[in-house]
Amino acid sequence: MTKKYHVLKDVLLPIEHIPDPFFIPQELFSKWEFVKGAKAIHKVNKKTGQAYIFKEGKVPFPDDINKPARTIVTTEGGQYVAREKHVIIQKGRYRRLHPIELERLNGFPDDFTKCEGILESQRAFFMGNALVIGVVKRLGQELSNAVSQHKK
């Protein structure tokens, strides 16, 4: 069986089709670098007063478009800075992923989540809550095969 693997660049829209709000303004760049970077922060538990060190590992910044995408989560949409969001460089500009790109990553048709009154951030939320169509299809096939074999 031949498998076709896709990388992040395979789902990207041309940069000309990306609205301005998806691009990261220069004044927010340092915040993005901080949230995506490794850190060890001294904190104190508010209830117990116990001191501890909060640690996080580095998240790719920007995401490598020549590798498979990371998991899409429900917080992928919106303009706020968050470590779990995908950020790519396209023609020298940093940007978040567009809802169509998120739909493509999950195997949905372009504009599957586009409806009147639905915000782009909501569309991203939908894709963070969705299952990858190819995975569900493959699981269904394997379950069907197993049931068929069991009946024999």
N, C-alpha and C. Protein backbone atom coordinates (compact mmCIF):
# COMPACT_ATOMS: atom_id res chain seq x y z
N MET A 1 0.84 -1.18 0.00
CA MET A 1 0.00 0.00 0.00
C MET A 1 0.89 1.25 0.00
N THR A 2 0.65 2.14 -0.92
CA THR A 2 1.42 3.37 -1.01
C THR A 2 0.72 4.46 -0.20
N LYS A 3 1.48 5.11 0.68
CA LYS A 3 0.93 6.18 1.50
C LYS A 3 1.45 7.50 0.99
N LYS A 4 0.59 8.49 0.94
CA LYS A 4 1.00 9.82 0.52
C LYS A 4 0.96 10.72 1.74
N TYR A 5 2.11 11.22 2.12
CA TYR A 5 2.20 12.10 3.27
C TYR A 5 2.20 13.55 2.80
N HIS A 6 1.58 14.39 3.57
CA HIS A 6 1.50 15.80 3.24
C HIS A 6 2.25 16.61 4.29
N VAL A 7 2.78 17.70 3.86
CA VAL A 7 3.42 18.62 4.77
C VAL A 7 2.63 19.92 4.78
N LEU A 8 2.93 20.77 5.74
CA LEU A 8 2.18 21.99 5.95
C LEU A 8 2.09 22.86 4.69
N LYS A 9 3.17 22.96 3.93
CA LYS A 9 3.14 23.84 2.75
C LYS A 9 2.12 23.38 1.71
N ASP A 10 1.74 22.10 1.74
CA ASP A 10 0.77 21.58 0.77
C ASP A 10 -0.62 22.18 0.92
N VAL A 11 -0.93 22.70 2.09
CA VAL A 11 -2.29 23.22 2.33
C VAL A 11 -2.36 24.75 2.30
N LEU A 12 -1.23 25.41 2.13
CA LEU A 12 -1.20 26.88 2.23
C LEU A 12 -1.86 27.57 1.05
N LEU A 13 -2.59 28.61 1.36
CA LEU A 13 -3.16 29.50 0.34
C LEU A 13 -2.08 30.45 -0.16
N PRO A 14 -2.23 30.97 -1.37
CA PRO A 14 -1.30 32.02 -1.81
C PRO A 14 -1.39 33.21 -0.86
N ILE A 15 -0.26 33.82 -0.58
CA ILE A 15 -0.21 34.92 0.38
C ILE A 15 -1.18 36.06 0.01
N GLU A 16 -1.45 36.23 -1.27
CA GLU A 16 -2.36 37.29 -1.72
C GLU A 16 -3.79 37.07 -1.25
N HIS A 17 -4.12 35.84 -0.86
CA HIS A 17 -5.48 35.52 -0.40
C HIS A 17 -5.64 35.58 1.12
N ILE A 18 -4.57 35.97 1.80
CA ILE A 18 -4.60 36.02 3.27
C ILE A 18 -4.93 37.44 3.73
N PRO A 19 -6.03 37.62 4.47
CA PRO A 19 -6.39 38.95 4.99
C PRO A 19 -5.36 39.45 6.01
N ASP A 20 -5.22 40.76 6.10
CA ASP A 20 -4.24 41.39 7.00
C ASP A 20 -4.30 40.91 8.45
N PRO A 21 -5.48 40.69 9.04
CA PRO A 21 -5.49 40.27 10.46
C PRO A 21 -4.73 38.97 10.75
N PHE A 22 -4.43 38.17 9.73
CA PHE A 22 -3.71 36.92 9.96
C PHE A 22 -2.21 37.12 10.06
N PHE A 23 -1.72 38.28 9.68
CA PHE A 23 -0.30 38.57 9.76
C PHE A 23 0.05 39.12 11.14
N ILE A 24 1.21 38.74 11.63
CA ILE A 24 1.64 39.15 12.98
C ILE A 24 2.31 40.51 12.90
N PRO A 25 1.75 41.49 13.60
CA PRO A 25 2.38 42.82 13.60
C PRO A 25 3.74 42.77 14.32
N GLN A 26 4.65 43.58 13.86
CA GLN A 26 6.01 43.61 14.41
C GLN A 26 6.00 43.85 15.92
N GLU A 27 5.09 44.68 16.42
CA GLU A 27 5.07 44.99 17.85
C GLU A 27 4.67 43.80 18.73
N LEU A 28 4.09 42.75 18.14
CA LEU A 28 3.72 41.55 18.91
C LEU A 28 4.73 40.41 18.76
N PHE A 29 5.71 40.60 17.91
CA PHE A 29 6.66 39.53 17.61
C PHE A 29 7.37 39.01 18.86
N SER A 30 7.81 39.89 19.74
CA SER A 30 8.53 39.45 20.94
C SER A 30 7.61 38.64 21.86
N LYS A 31 6.33 38.97 21.90
CA LYS A 31 5.38 38.18 22.71
C LYS A 31 5.24 36.77 22.15
N TRP A 32 5.17 36.67 20.83
CA TRP A 32 5.08 35.36 20.19
C TRP A 32 6.35 34.54 20.49
N GLU A 33 7.51 35.17 20.39
CA GLU A 33 8.76 34.47 20.69
C GLU A 33 8.77 33.97 22.12
N PHE A 34 8.27 34.78 23.05
CA PHE A 34 8.26 34.39 24.46
C PHE A 34 7.34 33.19 24.70
N VAL A 35 6.09 33.26 24.23
CA VAL A 35 5.14 32.18 24.52
C VAL A 35 5.54 30.87 23.83
N LYS A 36 6.22 30.96 22.71
CA LYS A 36 6.64 29.75 21.98
C LYS A 36 7.96 29.19 22.52
N GLY A 37 8.70 29.99 23.28
CA GLY A 37 10.01 29.57 23.77
C GLY A 37 9.97 28.73 25.02
N ALA A 38 11.09 28.07 25.30
CA ALA A 38 11.24 27.30 26.55
C ALA A 38 11.34 28.28 27.70
N LYS A 39 10.81 27.89 28.86
CA LYS A 39 10.86 28.78 30.02
C LYS A 39 10.76 27.99 31.32
N ALA A 40 11.31 28.58 32.35
CA ALA A 40 11.20 28.07 33.72
C ALA A 40 10.88 29.29 34.58
N ILE A 41 9.66 29.35 35.10
CA ILE A 41 9.19 30.52 35.84
C ILE A 41 8.91 30.13 37.29
N HIS A 42 9.49 30.88 38.21
CA HIS A 42 9.22 30.65 39.63
C HIS A 42 7.83 31.18 39.95
N LYS A 43 7.01 30.32 40.58
CA LYS A 43 5.65 30.69 40.94
C LYS A 43 5.35 30.23 42.36
N VAL A 44 4.23 30.72 42.88
CA VAL A 44 3.77 30.33 44.20
C VAL A 44 2.30 29.92 44.09
N ASN A 45 1.98 28.73 44.63
CA ASN A 45 0.60 28.26 44.63
C ASN A 45 -0.25 29.20 45.48
N LYS A 46 -1.32 29.74 44.91
CA LYS A 46 -2.16 30.72 45.61
C LYS A 46 -2.86 30.15 46.84
N LYS A 47 -3.19 28.88 46.82
CA LYS A 47 -3.89 28.25 47.94
C LYS A 47 -2.95 27.81 49.05
N THR A 48 -1.83 27.19 48.66
CA THR A 48 -0.94 26.61 49.67
C THR A 48 0.28 27.47 50.00
N GLY A 49 0.60 28.41 49.15
CA GLY A 49 1.79 29.23 49.35
C GLY A 49 3.08 28.50 48.99
N GLN A 50 2.95 27.29 48.47
CA GLN A 50 4.10 26.47 48.09
C GLN A 50 4.75 27.03 46.82
N ALA A 51 6.05 27.24 46.87
CA ALA A 51 6.80 27.70 45.70
C ALA A 51 7.09 26.53 44.77
N TYR A 52 7.07 26.79 43.48
CA TYR A 52 7.40 25.76 42.48
C TYR A 52 7.92 26.45 41.22
N ILE A 53 8.45 25.63 40.33
CA ILE A 53 8.95 26.16 39.06
C ILE A 53 8.06 25.61 37.95
N PHE A 54 7.42 26.51 37.21
CA PHE A 54 6.61 26.16 36.05
C PHE A 54 7.54 26.08 34.85
N LYS A 55 7.53 24.93 34.17
CA LYS A 55 8.41 24.75 33.02
C LYS A 55 7.61 24.40 31.77
N GLU A 56 8.05 24.96 30.64
CA GLU A 56 7.48 24.63 29.34
C GLU A 56 8.62 24.45 28.36
N GLY A 57 8.46 23.48 27.48
CA GLY A 57 9.44 23.30 26.42
C GLY A 57 9.17 24.23 25.25
N LYS A 58 10.11 24.29 24.36
CA LYS A 58 10.00 25.14 23.18
C LYS A 58 8.99 24.55 22.19
N VAL A 59 8.21 25.42 21.57
CA VAL A 59 7.31 25.05 20.49
C VAL A 59 7.89 25.68 19.23
N PRO A 60 7.84 24.97 18.10
CA PRO A 60 8.42 25.55 16.89
C PRO A 60 7.89 26.96 16.58
N PHE A 61 8.80 27.86 16.28
CA PHE A 61 8.43 29.22 15.89
C PHE A 61 9.45 29.74 14.91
N PRO A 62 9.06 29.85 13.69
CA PRO A 62 7.77 29.48 13.10
C PRO A 62 7.70 27.97 12.85
N ASP A 63 6.49 27.50 12.54
CA ASP A 63 6.33 26.10 12.19
C ASP A 63 7.04 25.84 10.86
N ASP A 64 7.66 24.68 10.76
CA ASP A 64 8.36 24.29 9.54
C ASP A 64 7.34 23.82 8.51
N ILE A 65 7.21 24.55 7.41
CA ILE A 65 6.21 24.20 6.40
C ILE A 65 6.61 22.97 5.59
N ASN A 66 7.83 22.49 5.78
CA ASN A 66 8.28 21.29 5.08
C ASN A 66 8.10 20.03 5.93
N LYS A 67 7.40 20.17 7.05
CA LYS A 67 7.09 19.05 7.94
C LYS A 67 5.58 18.97 8.11
N PRO A 68 5.06 17.83 8.60
CA PRO A 68 3.63 17.75 8.89
C PRO A 68 3.24 18.78 9.94
N ALA A 69 2.00 19.23 9.88
CA ALA A 69 1.51 20.20 10.85
C ALA A 69 1.34 19.55 12.22
N ARG A 70 1.41 20.37 13.25
CA ARG A 70 1.09 19.90 14.60
C ARG A 70 -0.44 19.76 14.70
N THR A 71 -0.90 19.22 15.80
CA THR A 71 -2.33 19.07 16.04
C THR A 71 -3.01 20.43 16.10
N ILE A 72 -4.16 20.52 15.46
CA ILE A 72 -4.97 21.74 15.52
C ILE A 72 -5.77 21.68 16.81
N VAL A 73 -5.79 22.77 17.57
CA VAL A 73 -6.59 22.82 18.79
C VAL A 73 -7.64 23.92 18.67
N THR A 74 -8.60 23.93 19.56
CA THR A 74 -9.72 24.87 19.47
C THR A 74 -9.31 26.32 19.63
N THR A 75 -8.14 26.58 20.19
CA THR A 75 -7.70 27.97 20.39
C THR A 75 -6.87 28.49 19.21
N GLU A 76 -6.91 27.80 18.09
CA GLU A 76 -6.12 28.18 16.91
C GLU A 76 -6.55 29.53 16.33
N GLY A 77 -7.81 29.88 16.45
CA GLY A 77 -8.32 31.11 15.86
C GLY A 77 -8.09 32.34 16.72
N GLY A 78 -8.43 33.49 16.18
CA GLY A 78 -8.30 34.75 16.91
C GLY A 78 -6.92 35.35 16.80
N GLN A 79 -6.83 36.65 17.05
CA GLN A 79 -5.58 37.37 16.86
C GLN A 79 -4.67 37.37 18.09
N TYR A 80 -5.14 36.86 19.23
CA TYR A 80 -4.33 36.90 20.44
C TYR A 80 -3.14 35.95 20.34
N VAL A 81 -2.13 36.24 21.10
CA VAL A 81 -0.89 35.46 21.11
C VAL A 81 -1.09 34.20 21.94
N ALA A 82 -0.75 33.03 21.38
CA ALA A 82 -0.89 31.77 22.10
C ALA A 82 0.11 30.74 21.56
N ARG A 83 0.71 29.99 22.45
CA ARG A 83 1.78 29.06 22.07
C ARG A 83 1.31 27.91 21.19
N GLU A 84 0.04 27.51 21.29
CA GLU A 84 -0.42 26.35 20.53
C GLU A 84 -0.81 26.67 19.09
N LYS A 85 -0.91 27.94 18.74
CA LYS A 85 -1.29 28.32 17.38
C LYS A 85 -0.14 28.08 16.41
N HIS A 86 -0.50 27.68 15.20
CA HIS A 86 0.50 27.57 14.14
C HIS A 86 0.87 28.97 13.67
N VAL A 87 2.16 29.19 13.48
CA VAL A 87 2.66 30.44 12.88
C VAL A 87 3.67 30.02 11.81
N ILE A 88 3.48 30.55 10.63
CA ILE A 88 4.39 30.22 9.53
C ILE A 88 5.02 31.50 8.97
N ILE A 89 6.05 31.32 8.17
CA ILE A 89 6.61 32.43 7.40
C ILE A 89 6.27 32.17 5.94
N GLN A 90 5.68 33.16 5.32
CA GLN A 90 5.36 33.07 3.90
C GLN A 90 5.83 34.35 3.24
N LYS A 91 6.74 34.22 2.31
CA LYS A 91 7.35 35.37 1.62
C LYS A 91 7.87 36.40 2.61
N GLY A 92 8.54 35.91 3.66
CA GLY A 92 9.16 36.78 4.63
C GLY A 92 8.23 37.37 5.68
N ARG A 93 6.95 37.00 5.66
CA ARG A 93 5.99 37.53 6.63
C ARG A 93 5.47 36.41 7.53
N TYR A 94 5.41 36.70 8.82
CA TYR A 94 4.88 35.75 9.79
C TYR A 94 3.36 35.87 9.83
N ARG A 95 2.71 34.71 9.87
CA ARG A 95 1.24 34.74 9.94
C ARG A 95 0.68 33.47 10.56
N ARG A 96 -0.57 33.60 10.99
CA ARG A 96 -1.33 32.46 11.50
C ARG A 96 -1.99 31.75 10.32
N LEU A 97 -2.49 30.54 10.55
CA LEU A 97 -3.15 29.80 9.49
C LEU A 97 -4.58 30.30 9.28
N HIS A 98 -5.01 30.31 8.05
CA HIS A 98 -6.36 30.71 7.65
C HIS A 98 -7.30 29.51 7.85
N PRO A 99 -8.60 29.75 8.09
CA PRO A 99 -9.55 28.64 8.26
C PRO A 99 -9.55 27.63 7.11
N ILE A 100 -9.37 28.08 5.88
CA ILE A 100 -9.32 27.13 4.76
C ILE A 100 -8.12 26.19 4.92
N GLU A 101 -7.00 26.73 5.37
CA GLU A 101 -5.82 25.89 5.57
C GLU A 101 -6.05 24.87 6.68
N LEU A 102 -6.75 25.28 7.72
CA LEU A 102 -7.09 24.37 8.82
C LEU A 102 -8.05 23.29 8.32
N GLU A 103 -9.02 23.68 7.49
CA GLU A 103 -9.94 22.70 6.91
C GLU A 103 -9.18 21.67 6.08
N ARG A 104 -8.24 22.15 5.28
CA ARG A 104 -7.44 21.25 4.44
C ARG A 104 -6.62 20.28 5.29
N LEU A 105 -6.06 20.77 6.39
CA LEU A 105 -5.28 19.89 7.27
C LEU A 105 -6.12 18.74 7.82
N ASN A 106 -7.39 19.02 8.07
CA ASN A 106 -8.28 17.98 8.60
C ASN A 106 -8.96 17.17 7.50
N GLY A 107 -8.71 17.51 6.23
CA GLY A 107 -9.30 16.75 5.13
C GLY A 107 -10.67 17.21 4.70
N PHE A 108 -11.09 18.38 5.14
CA PHE A 108 -12.40 18.93 4.74
C PHE A 108 -12.25 19.75 3.46
N PRO A 109 -13.33 19.92 2.71
CA PRO A 109 -13.27 20.78 1.53
C PRO A 109 -13.10 22.25 1.94
N ASP A 110 -12.53 23.05 1.03
CA ASP A 110 -12.39 24.49 1.29
C ASP A 110 -13.74 25.11 1.62
N ASP A 111 -13.74 25.98 2.60
CA ASP A 111 -14.93 26.72 3.05
C ASP A 111 -16.03 25.84 3.62
N PHE A 112 -15.68 24.64 4.06
CA PHE A 112 -16.65 23.74 4.67
C PHE A 112 -17.33 24.38 5.88
N THR A 113 -16.60 25.18 6.64
CA THR A 113 -17.15 25.80 7.85
C THR A 113 -17.67 27.21 7.61
N LYS A 114 -17.61 27.69 6.37
CA LYS A 114 -18.03 29.06 6.08
C LYS A 114 -19.56 29.14 6.01
N CYS A 115 -20.14 29.92 6.89
CA CYS A 115 -21.58 30.13 6.94
C CYS A 115 -21.84 31.58 7.31
N GLU A 116 -22.97 32.08 6.95
CA GLU A 116 -23.33 33.46 7.31
C GLU A 116 -23.36 33.59 8.82
N GLY A 117 -22.70 34.63 9.32
CA GLY A 117 -22.68 34.90 10.75
C GLY A 117 -21.60 34.16 11.53
N ILE A 118 -20.84 33.30 10.88
CA ILE A 118 -19.78 32.55 11.55
C ILE A 118 -18.46 33.30 11.36
N LEU A 119 -17.80 33.62 12.47
CA LEU A 119 -16.52 34.33 12.43
C LEU A 119 -15.39 33.37 12.04
N GLU A 120 -14.30 33.93 11.52
CA GLU A 120 -13.16 33.09 11.17
C GLU A 120 -12.57 32.40 12.40
N SER A 121 -12.62 33.07 13.56
CA SER A 121 -12.13 32.44 14.78
C SER A 121 -13.00 31.24 15.16
N GLN A 122 -14.30 31.32 14.89
CA GLN A 122 -15.19 30.19 15.16
C GLN A 122 -14.90 29.04 14.20
N ARG A 123 -14.59 29.37 12.97
CA ARG A 123 -14.24 28.34 11.98
C ARG A 123 -12.99 27.58 12.44
N ALA A 124 -12.03 28.30 12.97
CA ALA A 124 -10.82 27.67 13.48
C ALA A 124 -11.16 26.77 14.68
N PHE A 125 -12.05 27.24 15.55
CA PHE A 125 -12.51 26.44 16.70
C PHE A 125 -13.12 25.13 16.21
N PHE A 126 -13.97 25.22 15.18
CA PHE A 126 -14.60 24.02 14.63
C PHE A 126 -13.54 23.00 14.20
N MET A 127 -12.49 23.49 13.53
CA MET A 127 -11.45 22.58 13.04
C MET A 127 -10.62 22.02 14.19
N GLY A 128 -10.48 22.78 15.27
CA GLY A 128 -9.80 22.26 16.45
C GLY A 128 -10.60 21.18 17.15
N ASN A 129 -11.90 21.21 16.96
CA ASN A 129 -12.78 20.21 17.57
C ASN A 129 -13.04 19.02 16.65
N ALA A 130 -12.63 19.13 15.39
CA ALA A 130 -12.93 18.10 14.39
C ALA A 130 -11.92 16.96 14.46
N LEU A 131 -12.30 15.87 13.86
CA LEU A 131 -11.39 14.75 13.68
C LEU A 131 -10.88 14.79 12.24
N VAL A 132 -9.69 14.30 12.02
CA VAL A 132 -9.13 14.25 10.67
C VAL A 132 -9.90 13.20 9.88
N ILE A 133 -10.50 13.63 8.78
CA ILE A 133 -11.38 12.75 8.00
C ILE A 133 -10.69 11.46 7.58
N GLY A 134 -9.45 11.56 7.12
CA GLY A 134 -8.73 10.36 6.67
C GLY A 134 -8.54 9.35 7.79
N VAL A 135 -8.31 9.82 9.00
CA VAL A 135 -8.14 8.91 10.14
C VAL A 135 -9.46 8.21 10.45
N VAL A 136 -10.55 8.96 10.46
CA VAL A 136 -11.86 8.37 10.75
C VAL A 136 -12.23 7.34 9.68
N LYS A 137 -11.97 7.69 8.43
CA LYS A 137 -12.27 6.77 7.33
C LYS A 137 -11.47 5.47 7.48
N ARG A 138 -10.19 5.60 7.77
CA ARG A 138 -9.32 4.43 7.91
C ARG A 138 -9.77 3.56 9.09
N LEU A 139 -10.12 4.20 10.21
CA LEU A 139 -10.61 3.44 11.36
C LEU A 139 -11.89 2.69 11.00
N GLY A 140 -12.78 3.36 10.29
CA GLY A 140 -14.03 2.72 9.87
C GLY A 140 -13.78 1.52 8.98
N GLN A 141 -12.83 1.65 8.05
CA GLN A 141 -12.49 0.54 7.17
C GLN A 141 -11.92 -0.64 7.96
N GLU A 142 -11.03 -0.34 8.89
CA GLU A 142 -10.42 -1.40 9.69
C GLU A 142 -11.45 -2.09 10.58
N LEU A 143 -12.36 -1.32 11.16
CA LEU A 143 -13.42 -1.92 11.98
C LEU A 143 -14.34 -2.79 11.14
N SER A 144 -14.68 -2.29 9.96
CA SER A 144 -15.53 -3.06 9.05
C SER A 144 -14.85 -4.37 8.65
N ASN A 145 -13.55 -4.30 8.34
CA ASN A 145 -12.79 -5.52 8.00
C ASN A 145 -12.76 -6.50 9.16
N ALA A 146 -12.56 -5.97 10.36
CA ALA A 146 -12.50 -6.84 11.55
C ALA A 146 -13.84 -7.52 11.79
N VAL A 147 -14.94 -6.80 11.63
CA VAL A 147 -16.26 -7.37 11.83
C VAL A 147 -16.52 -8.44 10.75
N SER A 148 -16.15 -8.15 9.52
CA SER A 148 -16.33 -9.10 8.43
C SER A 148 -15.54 -10.38 8.69
N GLN A 149 -14.30 -10.26 9.16
CA GLN A 149 -13.46 -11.41 9.46
C GLN A 149 -14.04 -12.22 10.62
N HIS A 150 -14.61 -11.52 11.59
CA HIS A 150 -15.17 -12.19 12.77
C HIS A 150 -16.41 -13.01 12.40
N LYS A 151 -17.19 -12.53 11.42
CA LYS A 151 -18.41 -13.22 11.00
C LYS A 151 -18.11 -14.50 10.24
N LYS A 152 -16.91 -14.63 9.67
CA LYS A 152 -16.56 -15.80 8.85
C LYS A 152 -16.32 -17.01 9.68
